Amino acid sequence: AYGRNAEMDKAKHLYSQLQQQSKMCPNKKTFLYLMHGYSHSGNVQSVLEMWHQDITDDTIKYDEHILTTVVDAMARNGELQNAKAFVLQTKPNCKELWVALLSGCKKHKKQDLAHDIYCE
């Protein structure tokens, strides 16, 4: 609920507490909820830190839903070239990643970039 209401400090604090007190092993849903919250509150840096540092299981790290959330966070916040580079470095054949990037192009009125991506 904290993530949906953009109270990310509380969400991150709760996540840290759960990890320390219960030795909780976060799963894909845990990361998705936190990353979505950060993304929708404009905190791209926290999304990237979580992807690079907190997610240690490659099965989760390279899951298409997780990757799409990372791309969406960057694209939502205008980091379109970084998002494109991320797609190319991780799963360039994943349609959902490209759709998230194109959505960011639309939001930020970058028709030329969207056209280039579509034609690639």
N, C-alpha and C. Protein backbone atom coordinates (compact mmCIF):
# COMPACT_ATOMS: atom_id res chain seq x y z
N ALA A 1 0.82 -1.19 0.00
CA ALA A 1 0.00 0.00 0.00
C ALA A 1 0.86 1.25 0.00
N TYR A 2 2.00 1.21 0.68
CA TYR A 2 2.87 2.39 0.73
C TYR A 2 3.35 2.75 -0.68
N GLY A 3 3.74 1.74 -1.45
CA GLY A 3 4.23 1.99 -2.80
C GLY A 3 3.18 2.58 -3.70
N ARG A 4 1.94 2.09 -3.59
CA ARG A 4 0.86 2.62 -4.42
C ARG A 4 0.52 4.05 -4.05
N ASN A 5 0.80 4.44 -2.82
CA ASN A 5 0.47 5.78 -2.37
C ASN A 5 1.69 6.70 -2.34
N ALA A 6 2.75 6.30 -3.01
CA ALA A 6 3.98 7.08 -3.15
C ALA A 6 4.61 7.42 -1.80
N GLU A 7 4.46 6.53 -0.85
CA GLU A 7 5.13 6.69 0.45
C GLU A 7 6.31 5.73 0.47
N MET A 8 7.25 5.97 -0.42
CA MET A 8 8.31 5.02 -0.65
C MET A 8 9.30 4.94 0.50
N ASP A 9 9.49 5.99 1.26
CA ASP A 9 10.38 5.90 2.41
C ASP A 9 9.85 4.87 3.40
N LYS A 10 8.55 4.89 3.63
CA LYS A 10 7.93 3.92 4.54
C LYS A 10 8.01 2.51 3.97
N ALA A 11 7.79 2.38 2.67
CA ALA A 11 7.86 1.06 2.04
C ALA A 11 9.27 0.49 2.14
N LYS A 12 10.26 1.29 1.84
CA LYS A 12 11.65 0.84 1.90
C LYS A 12 12.04 0.50 3.34
N HIS A 13 11.58 1.30 4.29
CA HIS A 13 11.87 1.04 5.71
C HIS A 13 11.26 -0.30 6.13
N LEU A 14 10.03 -0.54 5.73
CA LEU A 14 9.37 -1.80 6.06
C LEU A 14 10.11 -2.98 5.42
N TYR A 15 10.52 -2.83 4.19
CA TYR A 15 11.28 -3.85 3.48
C TYR A 15 12.58 -4.15 4.23
N SER A 16 13.29 -3.12 4.66
CA SER A 16 14.54 -3.30 5.40
C SER A 16 14.30 -3.99 6.73
N GLN A 17 13.24 -3.58 7.42
CA GLN A 17 12.90 -4.21 8.70
C GLN A 17 12.60 -5.69 8.53
N LEU A 18 11.82 -6.02 7.54
CA LEU A 18 11.47 -7.42 7.31
C LEU A 18 12.70 -8.26 7.01
N GLN A 19 13.61 -7.71 6.25
CA GLN A 19 14.83 -8.43 5.91
C GLN A 19 15.68 -8.67 7.15
N GLN A 20 15.81 -7.65 7.99
CA GLN A 20 16.66 -7.76 9.18
C GLN A 20 16.04 -8.63 10.25
N GLN A 21 14.77 -8.46 10.51
CA GLN A 21 14.12 -9.14 11.63
C GLN A 21 13.71 -10.57 11.31
N SER A 22 13.28 -10.81 10.11
CA SER A 22 12.78 -12.16 9.82
C SER A 22 13.67 -12.91 8.84
N LYS A 23 14.75 -12.31 8.44
CA LYS A 23 15.63 -12.93 7.44
C LYS A 23 14.85 -13.30 6.20
N MET A 24 13.87 -12.45 5.90
CA MET A 24 13.01 -12.66 4.75
C MET A 24 13.82 -12.68 3.46
N CYS A 25 13.48 -13.58 2.59
CA CYS A 25 14.09 -13.63 1.28
C CYS A 25 13.09 -13.04 0.29
N PRO A 26 13.34 -11.83 -0.19
CA PRO A 26 12.36 -11.21 -1.10
C PRO A 26 12.21 -12.01 -2.39
N ASN A 27 10.99 -12.01 -2.90
CA ASN A 27 10.73 -12.69 -4.16
C ASN A 27 10.45 -11.65 -5.25
N LYS A 28 10.08 -12.15 -6.40
CA LYS A 28 9.84 -11.26 -7.55
C LYS A 28 8.76 -10.22 -7.24
N LYS A 29 7.69 -10.64 -6.58
CA LYS A 29 6.60 -9.70 -6.27
C LYS A 29 7.07 -8.58 -5.34
N THR A 30 7.90 -8.93 -4.37
CA THR A 30 8.43 -7.92 -3.45
C THR A 30 9.16 -6.84 -4.24
N PHE A 31 10.04 -7.27 -5.12
CA PHE A 31 10.81 -6.31 -5.92
C PHE A 31 9.92 -5.53 -6.88
N LEU A 32 8.96 -6.21 -7.49
CA LEU A 32 8.07 -5.51 -8.41
C LEU A 32 7.29 -4.40 -7.71
N TYR A 33 6.74 -4.70 -6.54
CA TYR A 33 5.97 -3.68 -5.82
C TYR A 33 6.84 -2.48 -5.45
N LEU A 34 8.02 -2.76 -4.94
CA LEU A 34 8.91 -1.65 -4.58
C LEU A 34 9.34 -0.85 -5.81
N MET A 35 9.73 -1.56 -6.85
CA MET A 35 10.21 -0.87 -8.06
C MET A 35 9.09 -0.08 -8.73
N HIS A 36 7.89 -0.62 -8.75
CA HIS A 36 6.75 0.12 -9.31
C HIS A 36 6.52 1.41 -8.52
N GLY A 37 6.57 1.29 -7.21
CA GLY A 37 6.38 2.47 -6.37
C GLY A 37 7.43 3.53 -6.64
N TYR A 38 8.69 3.11 -6.71
CA TYR A 38 9.75 4.06 -7.02
C TYR A 38 9.55 4.67 -8.41
N SER A 39 9.21 3.84 -9.37
CA SER A 39 8.99 4.31 -10.73
C SER A 39 7.90 5.37 -10.80
N HIS A 40 6.78 5.09 -10.17
CA HIS A 40 5.64 6.00 -10.24
C HIS A 40 5.82 7.25 -9.39
N SER A 41 6.80 7.22 -8.49
CA SER A 41 7.08 8.44 -7.72
C SER A 41 8.29 9.18 -8.29
N GLY A 42 8.79 8.72 -9.44
CA GLY A 42 9.86 9.43 -10.14
C GLY A 42 11.26 9.12 -9.65
N ASN A 43 11.43 8.09 -8.86
CA ASN A 43 12.74 7.78 -8.29
C ASN A 43 13.44 6.68 -9.09
N VAL A 44 13.95 7.06 -10.23
CA VAL A 44 14.63 6.12 -11.12
C VAL A 44 15.88 5.56 -10.47
N GLN A 45 16.61 6.40 -9.76
CA GLN A 45 17.86 5.96 -9.13
C GLN A 45 17.63 4.78 -8.19
N SER A 46 16.56 4.83 -7.41
CA SER A 46 16.29 3.72 -6.48
C SER A 46 15.91 2.44 -7.23
N VAL A 47 15.21 2.58 -8.35
CA VAL A 47 14.89 1.41 -9.18
C VAL A 47 16.18 0.77 -9.68
N LEU A 48 17.08 1.60 -10.18
CA LEU A 48 18.34 1.08 -10.72
C LEU A 48 19.21 0.48 -9.62
N GLU A 49 19.26 1.13 -8.46
CA GLU A 49 20.03 0.57 -7.34
C GLU A 49 19.48 -0.78 -6.92
N MET A 50 18.16 -0.88 -6.86
CA MET A 50 17.55 -2.15 -6.47
C MET A 50 17.90 -3.22 -7.50
N TRP A 51 17.83 -2.88 -8.79
CA TRP A 51 18.12 -3.86 -9.83
C TRP A 51 19.60 -4.29 -9.78
N HIS A 52 20.48 -3.32 -9.60
CA HIS A 52 21.92 -3.63 -9.60
C HIS A 52 22.38 -4.28 -8.30
N GLN A 53 21.85 -3.86 -7.16
CA GLN A 53 22.41 -4.28 -5.88
C GLN A 53 21.55 -5.27 -5.10
N ASP A 54 20.25 -5.05 -5.05
CA ASP A 54 19.40 -5.86 -4.19
C ASP A 54 18.98 -7.18 -4.81
N ILE A 55 18.77 -7.19 -6.10
CA ILE A 55 18.33 -8.42 -6.76
C ILE A 55 19.56 -9.23 -7.13
N THR A 56 19.79 -10.30 -6.38
CA THR A 56 20.99 -11.11 -6.60
C THR A 56 20.70 -12.38 -7.39
N ASP A 57 19.45 -12.78 -7.43
CA ASP A 57 19.05 -13.98 -8.16
C ASP A 57 18.82 -13.61 -9.62
N ASP A 58 19.63 -14.16 -10.52
CA ASP A 58 19.51 -13.82 -11.95
C ASP A 58 18.17 -14.19 -12.54
N THR A 59 17.52 -15.21 -11.99
CA THR A 59 16.19 -15.59 -12.48
C THR A 59 15.21 -14.44 -12.26
N ILE A 60 15.34 -13.76 -11.12
CA ILE A 60 14.49 -12.61 -10.83
C ILE A 60 15.00 -11.38 -11.58
N LYS A 61 16.30 -11.17 -11.53
CA LYS A 61 16.90 -9.97 -12.13
C LYS A 61 16.57 -9.84 -13.61
N TYR A 62 16.58 -10.95 -14.34
CA TYR A 62 16.36 -10.89 -15.78
C TYR A 62 14.95 -11.34 -16.18
N ASP A 63 14.05 -11.39 -15.21
CA ASP A 63 12.65 -11.66 -15.49
C ASP A 63 12.08 -10.50 -16.32
N GLU A 64 11.26 -10.82 -17.29
CA GLU A 64 10.74 -9.78 -18.19
C GLU A 64 9.91 -8.72 -17.46
N HIS A 65 9.19 -9.11 -16.41
CA HIS A 65 8.40 -8.13 -15.66
C HIS A 65 9.32 -7.16 -14.90
N ILE A 66 10.37 -7.69 -14.33
CA ILE A 66 11.34 -6.85 -13.61
C ILE A 66 12.03 -5.91 -14.59
N LEU A 67 12.50 -6.45 -15.71
CA LEU A 67 13.18 -5.62 -16.71
C LEU A 67 12.25 -4.55 -17.27
N THR A 68 11.00 -4.91 -17.51
CA THR A 68 10.04 -3.94 -18.03
C THR A 68 9.82 -2.81 -17.03
N THR A 69 9.82 -3.13 -15.75
CA THR A 69 9.66 -2.10 -14.72
C THR A 69 10.85 -1.15 -14.72
N VAL A 70 12.05 -1.67 -14.93
CA VAL A 70 13.24 -0.82 -14.98
C VAL A 70 13.15 0.11 -16.19
N VAL A 71 12.82 -0.45 -17.35
CA VAL A 71 12.70 0.37 -18.57
C VAL A 71 11.59 1.40 -18.41
N ASP A 72 10.47 0.99 -17.86
CA ASP A 72 9.35 1.91 -17.65
C ASP A 72 9.76 3.07 -16.74
N ALA A 73 10.51 2.78 -15.68
CA ALA A 73 10.95 3.83 -14.76
C ALA A 73 11.80 4.87 -15.50
N MET A 74 12.74 4.39 -16.30
CA MET A 74 13.60 5.32 -17.04
C MET A 74 12.79 6.09 -18.08
N ALA A 75 11.95 5.38 -18.83
CA ALA A 75 11.19 6.01 -19.91
C ALA A 75 10.18 7.02 -19.36
N ARG A 76 9.52 6.68 -18.26
CA ARG A 76 8.56 7.60 -17.63
C ARG A 76 9.19 8.92 -17.24
N ASN A 77 10.46 8.84 -16.88
CA ASN A 77 11.16 10.01 -16.36
C ASN A 77 12.09 10.65 -17.39
N GLY A 78 11.88 10.31 -18.65
CA GLY A 78 12.58 10.98 -19.74
C GLY A 78 13.98 10.48 -20.03
N GLU A 79 14.40 9.42 -19.38
CA GLU A 79 15.73 8.86 -19.62
C GLU A 79 15.65 7.84 -20.76
N LEU A 80 15.24 8.33 -21.90
CA LEU A 80 14.92 7.44 -23.02
C LEU A 80 16.15 6.77 -23.63
N GLN A 81 17.24 7.50 -23.76
CA GLN A 81 18.46 6.89 -24.31
C GLN A 81 19.02 5.84 -23.37
N ASN A 82 18.96 6.12 -22.05
CA ASN A 82 19.42 5.13 -21.06
C ASN A 82 18.52 3.89 -21.10
N ALA A 83 17.24 4.11 -21.25
CA ALA A 83 16.29 2.99 -21.33
C ALA A 83 16.58 2.14 -22.57
N LYS A 84 16.84 2.80 -23.68
CA LYS A 84 17.15 2.08 -24.92
C LYS A 84 18.43 1.25 -24.75
N ALA A 85 19.45 1.85 -24.17
CA ALA A 85 20.70 1.13 -23.94
C ALA A 85 20.48 -0.07 -23.02
N PHE A 86 19.64 0.11 -22.01
CA PHE A 86 19.34 -0.98 -21.08
C PHE A 86 18.66 -2.14 -21.81
N VAL A 87 17.70 -1.82 -22.67
CA VAL A 87 17.01 -2.86 -23.44
C VAL A 87 18.02 -3.63 -24.29
N LEU A 88 18.87 -2.89 -24.98
CA LEU A 88 19.85 -3.52 -25.87
C LEU A 88 20.84 -4.39 -25.10
N GLN A 89 21.14 -4.02 -23.86
CA GLN A 89 22.11 -4.78 -23.05
C GLN A 89 21.49 -6.00 -22.37
N THR A 90 20.18 -5.98 -22.15
CA THR A 90 19.58 -7.05 -21.37
C THR A 90 18.82 -8.06 -22.23
N LYS A 91 17.68 -7.66 -22.79
CA LYS A 91 16.87 -8.57 -23.62
C LYS A 91 16.32 -7.83 -24.83
N PRO A 92 17.16 -7.63 -25.84
CA PRO A 92 16.71 -6.86 -27.00
C PRO A 92 15.58 -7.50 -27.80
N ASN A 93 15.31 -8.77 -27.58
CA ASN A 93 14.23 -9.44 -28.32
C ASN A 93 12.91 -9.47 -27.55
N CYS A 94 12.87 -8.79 -26.41
CA CYS A 94 11.66 -8.78 -25.59
C CYS A 94 10.76 -7.61 -25.99
N LYS A 95 9.63 -7.94 -26.57
CA LYS A 95 8.69 -6.93 -27.07
C LYS A 95 8.22 -5.98 -25.98
N GLU A 96 7.97 -6.50 -24.77
CA GLU A 96 7.45 -5.67 -23.68
C GLU A 96 8.40 -4.54 -23.29
N LEU A 97 9.69 -4.80 -23.38
CA LEU A 97 10.66 -3.75 -23.06
C LEU A 97 10.57 -2.60 -24.07
N TRP A 98 10.42 -2.96 -25.33
CA TRP A 98 10.31 -1.95 -26.38
C TRP A 98 9.01 -1.16 -26.25
N VAL A 99 7.94 -1.84 -25.89
CA VAL A 99 6.66 -1.16 -25.69
C VAL A 99 6.77 -0.14 -24.56
N ALA A 100 7.42 -0.52 -23.47
CA ALA A 100 7.62 0.42 -22.35
C ALA A 100 8.43 1.63 -22.80
N LEU A 101 9.44 1.39 -23.60
CA LEU A 101 10.26 2.50 -24.11
C LEU A 101 9.46 3.39 -25.05
N LEU A 102 8.69 2.78 -25.94
CA LEU A 102 7.85 3.57 -26.86
C LEU A 102 6.81 4.39 -26.10
N SER A 103 6.30 3.86 -25.03
CA SER A 103 5.35 4.59 -24.20
C SER A 103 6.00 5.86 -23.63
N GLY A 104 7.25 5.73 -23.21
CA GLY A 104 7.99 6.90 -22.73
C GLY A 104 8.23 7.92 -23.83
N CYS A 105 8.50 7.42 -25.04
CA CYS A 105 8.68 8.33 -26.18
C CYS A 105 7.40 9.13 -26.42
N LYS A 106 6.26 8.45 -26.33
CA LYS A 106 4.98 9.13 -26.52
C LYS A 106 4.76 10.18 -25.44
N LYS A 107 5.00 9.79 -24.20
CA LYS A 107 4.78 10.70 -23.07
C LYS A 107 5.63 11.96 -23.21
N HIS A 108 6.87 11.79 -23.65
CA HIS A 108 7.80 12.93 -23.73
C HIS A 108 7.88 13.54 -25.13
N LYS A 109 6.93 13.12 -25.99
CA LYS A 109 6.81 13.68 -27.34
C LYS A 109 8.12 13.58 -28.14
N LYS A 110 8.70 12.39 -28.11
CA LYS A 110 9.94 12.12 -28.85
C LYS A 110 9.62 11.21 -30.04
N GLN A 111 8.85 11.77 -30.99
CA GLN A 111 8.40 10.98 -32.12
C GLN A 111 9.56 10.47 -32.98
N ASP A 112 10.62 11.27 -33.10
CA ASP A 112 11.75 10.83 -33.93
C ASP A 112 12.40 9.58 -33.34
N LEU A 113 12.61 9.59 -32.02
CA LEU A 113 13.20 8.43 -31.37
C LEU A 113 12.25 7.23 -31.49
N ALA A 114 10.98 7.46 -31.29
CA ALA A 114 9.99 6.37 -31.39
C ALA A 114 10.03 5.78 -32.81
N HIS A 115 10.09 6.62 -33.80
CA HIS A 115 10.15 6.15 -35.19
C HIS A 115 11.41 5.33 -35.42
N ASP A 116 12.55 5.81 -34.93
CA ASP A 116 13.80 5.08 -35.09
C ASP A 116 13.73 3.71 -34.43
N ILE A 117 13.15 3.67 -33.23
CA ILE A 117 13.03 2.40 -32.50
C ILE A 117 12.11 1.46 -33.26
N TYR A 118 11.00 1.98 -33.75
CA TYR A 118 10.04 1.16 -34.47
C TYR A 118 10.66 0.57 -35.75
N CYS A 119 11.50 1.35 -36.41
CA CYS A 119 12.09 0.91 -37.68
C CYS A 119 13.28 -0.04 -37.49
N GLU A 120 13.84 -0.10 -36.28
CA GLU A 120 14.99 -0.99 -36.05
C GLU A 120 14.65 -2.44 -36.11
